[in-house]
Amino acid sequence: MTLLKNKWLRICRNLAGVLCLCFAAASCGSKNLLDETGETPLPAWEYDEPVCFGFFLNAPDTALPCDLIFSLKHTGDFAWSNAFFLITTVFPDMNTSVDTLECLLAEPSGRWYGDRLGKYYSMSVLYKQGIRFPMPGEYRFVIQHAMRDDALKNITAVGLKISPTER
């Protein structure tokens, strides 16, 4: 009986420890305003099939300078050493701004930049630094590729992260 009781107490202590760690991790919330990745359609990403993200900005956060980081995942079979993207920002008042972003994906020798995991390469590019969003409300970002091929193969995901600028 004592052996069973000791085992039960040990299980309860372990469970309590795990629960405390979970609560601690949950309370350490991210300061990112946005951190999303969207998969591109397979087998090819068509120009007219954008990947969209959005977030809501509260009034006190409009004074906060932010960095926008664009992320990209592709296979080693991607045909180009760079890629162009159109990023449309839709502001809360429905005005829009369109930027063209070039991502250099490989060295002139053909060696891919970024981190490799199996056949996939992932990289991040600082898209904008220290910007302030001018008004509170819902912001949307629409990402399209701007390559010569209307159907772009071997780009598997794109993402956008918006975080406070580190001082």
Protein backbone atom coordinates (compact mmCIF):
# COMPACT_ATOMS: atom_id res chain seq x y z
CA MET A 1 0.00 0.00 0.00
CA THR A 2 2.81 2.42 0.87
CA LEU A 3 4.53 1.69 -2.48
CA LEU A 4 1.33 2.54 -4.38
CA LYS A 5 0.85 5.71 -2.32
CA ASN A 6 4.45 6.86 -3.00
CA LYS A 7 4.04 6.18 -6.72
CA TRP A 8 0.79 8.18 -6.76
CA LEU A 9 2.45 11.12 -4.95
CA ARG A 10 5.38 11.08 -7.41
CA ILE A 11 2.96 11.14 -10.38
CA CYS A 12 1.02 14.04 -8.84
CA ARG A 13 4.23 16.01 -8.20
CA ASN A 14 5.40 15.43 -11.77
CA LEU A 15 2.01 16.45 -13.13
CA ALA A 16 2.01 19.60 -10.97
CA GLY A 17 5.49 20.46 -12.26
CA VAL A 18 4.41 20.02 -15.87
CA LEU A 19 1.31 22.17 -15.30
CA CYS A 20 3.43 24.92 -13.70
CA LEU A 21 5.75 24.92 -16.71
CA CYS A 22 2.77 25.11 -19.08
CA PHE A 23 1.29 28.08 -17.20
CA ALA A 24 4.68 29.81 -17.11
CA ALA A 25 5.14 29.33 -20.84
CA ALA A 26 1.62 30.58 -21.58
CA SER A 27 2.13 33.70 -19.48
CA CYS A 28 5.29 34.63 -21.41
CA GLY A 29 3.29 35.82 -24.38
CA SER A 30 4.94 36.92 -27.57
CA LYS A 31 5.30 40.64 -28.18
CA ASN A 32 4.88 40.12 -31.92
CA LEU A 33 1.94 41.90 -33.50
CA LEU A 34 1.91 39.24 -36.22
CA ASP A 35 3.84 36.03 -36.85
CA GLU A 36 2.18 33.92 -39.52
CA THR A 37 3.22 31.63 -42.32
CA GLY A 38 0.96 30.58 -45.18
CA GLU A 39 1.50 27.67 -47.51
CA THR A 40 1.41 28.42 -51.20
CA PRO A 41 -0.89 26.40 -53.47
CA LEU A 42 0.57 23.21 -54.94
CA PRO A 43 1.84 22.14 -57.44
CA ALA A 44 2.49 25.76 -58.44
CA TRP A 45 1.75 29.17 -56.96
CA GLU A 46 -0.22 31.19 -59.49
CA TYR A 47 0.27 34.94 -59.65
CA ASP A 48 -3.42 35.54 -58.97
CA GLU A 49 -3.50 33.36 -55.81
CA PRO A 50 -2.20 35.67 -53.06
CA VAL A 51 -1.28 34.63 -49.53
CA CYS A 52 -2.96 36.97 -47.01
CA PHE A 53 -2.30 37.90 -43.39
CA GLY A 54 -3.87 40.39 -41.02
CA PHE A 55 -3.80 41.78 -37.51
CA PHE A 56 -5.61 44.36 -35.39
CA LEU A 57 -3.63 47.29 -33.98
CA ASN A 58 -4.81 49.02 -30.81
CA ALA A 59 -4.47 52.79 -30.42
CA PRO A 60 -1.55 52.77 -27.94
CA ASP A 61 0.52 50.61 -30.31
CA THR A 62 0.56 53.19 -33.14
CA ALA A 63 3.57 54.93 -31.52
CA LEU A 64 5.54 51.67 -31.37
CA PRO A 65 8.29 51.35 -34.02
CA CYS A 66 8.15 47.92 -35.65
CA ASP A 67 10.24 45.69 -37.89
CA LEU A 68 8.59 43.68 -40.66
CA ILE A 69 10.32 40.44 -41.54
CA PHE A 70 9.38 38.47 -44.64
CA SER A 71 10.05 34.72 -44.60
CA LEU A 72 10.23 32.26 -47.44
CA LYS A 73 10.44 28.48 -47.77
CA HIS A 74 11.42 26.78 -51.03
CA THR A 75 12.86 23.52 -52.29
CA GLY A 76 16.31 23.04 -53.74
CA ASP A 77 14.60 22.60 -57.12
CA PHE A 78 13.57 26.26 -57.32
CA ALA A 79 14.68 27.47 -60.76
CA TRP A 80 15.94 30.95 -59.83
CA SER A 81 18.59 32.45 -57.56
CA ASN A 82 16.26 35.28 -56.56
CA ALA A 83 12.54 35.93 -56.31
CA PHE A 84 10.36 39.05 -56.47
CA PHE A 85 7.21 39.60 -54.43
CA LEU A 86 4.49 42.25 -54.34
CA ILE A 87 3.38 43.07 -50.81
CA THR A 88 0.20 45.10 -50.60
CA THR A 89 -0.63 46.70 -47.26
CA VAL A 90 -4.32 47.46 -46.76
CA PHE A 91 -4.75 50.09 -44.03
CA PRO A 92 -7.77 50.37 -41.71
CA ASP A 93 -9.15 53.23 -43.85
CA MET A 94 -8.89 50.92 -46.93
CA ASN A 95 -6.02 52.88 -48.51
CA THR A 96 -3.32 50.63 -49.93
CA SER A 97 0.41 50.67 -50.40
CA VAL A 98 2.27 48.25 -52.71
CA ASP A 99 5.95 47.38 -52.34
CA THR A 100 8.18 45.17 -54.48
CA LEU A 101 10.55 42.99 -52.48
CA GLU A 102 13.48 41.12 -54.01
CA CYS A 103 14.83 38.13 -52.10
CA LEU A 104 18.29 36.88 -53.01
CA LEU A 105 18.06 33.12 -52.54
CA ALA A 106 21.46 31.85 -53.68
CA GLU A 107 25.07 32.85 -54.07
CA PRO A 108 26.42 33.26 -57.63
CA SER A 109 27.95 29.77 -57.20
CA GLY A 110 24.44 28.33 -56.73
CA ARG A 111 24.71 27.64 -52.98
CA TRP A 112 21.36 28.43 -51.34
CA TYR A 113 21.10 30.97 -48.53
CA GLY A 114 19.13 30.20 -45.40
CA ASP A 115 18.60 27.13 -43.27
CA ARG A 116 18.18 23.69 -44.78
CA LEU A 117 15.91 20.95 -43.48
CA GLY A 118 15.74 18.00 -45.86
CA LYS A 119 14.91 19.31 -49.31
CA TYR A 120 13.59 22.64 -47.98
CA TYR A 121 15.39 25.94 -47.47
CA SER A 122 14.04 28.67 -45.20
CA MET A 123 15.16 32.24 -44.94
CA SER A 124 14.05 35.58 -43.53
CA VAL A 125 14.55 39.04 -44.98
CA LEU A 126 14.15 42.36 -43.17
CA TYR A 127 11.40 43.95 -45.23
CA LYS A 128 10.93 47.22 -43.28
CA GLN A 129 12.65 48.54 -40.19
CA GLY A 130 11.44 50.93 -37.50
CA ILE A 131 8.11 51.77 -39.13
CA ARG A 132 5.10 53.09 -37.26
CA PHE A 133 1.58 52.18 -38.24
CA PRO A 134 -0.32 55.47 -38.64
CA MET A 135 -3.72 54.50 -37.21
CA PRO A 136 -5.41 51.89 -35.05
CA GLY A 137 -7.53 49.21 -36.69
CA GLU A 138 -7.26 46.15 -38.91
CA TYR A 139 -4.26 45.85 -41.23
CA ARG A 140 -4.07 43.29 -44.01
CA PHE A 141 -1.09 42.16 -46.06
CA VAL A 142 -1.52 40.54 -49.46
CA ILE A 143 1.54 38.73 -50.86
CA GLN A 144 1.86 37.74 -54.52
CA HIS A 145 4.88 36.57 -56.43
CA ALA A 146 6.10 38.91 -59.17
CA MET A 147 8.09 36.47 -61.28
CA ARG A 148 7.95 36.06 -65.07
CA ASP A 149 6.40 32.61 -64.71
CA ASP A 150 2.70 32.97 -63.87
CA ALA A 151 2.83 29.56 -62.18
CA LEU A 152 5.77 29.51 -59.77
CA LYS A 153 6.95 26.05 -58.69
CA ASN A 154 8.90 25.04 -55.59
CA ILE A 155 8.04 28.02 -53.35
CA THR A 156 6.17 26.23 -50.57
CA ALA A 157 5.42 28.96 -48.02
CA VAL A 158 5.73 32.66 -47.27
CA GLY A 159 5.36 34.43 -43.97
CA LEU A 160 5.32 37.79 -42.27
CA LYS A 161 6.43 38.71 -38.78
CA ILE A 162 5.84 42.13 -37.23
CA SER A 163 7.65 42.77 -33.97
CA PRO A 164 8.66 45.83 -31.94
CA THR A 165 12.02 47.25 -33.02
CA GLU A 166 14.78 46.22 -30.63
CA ARG A 167 16.54 49.23 -29.16
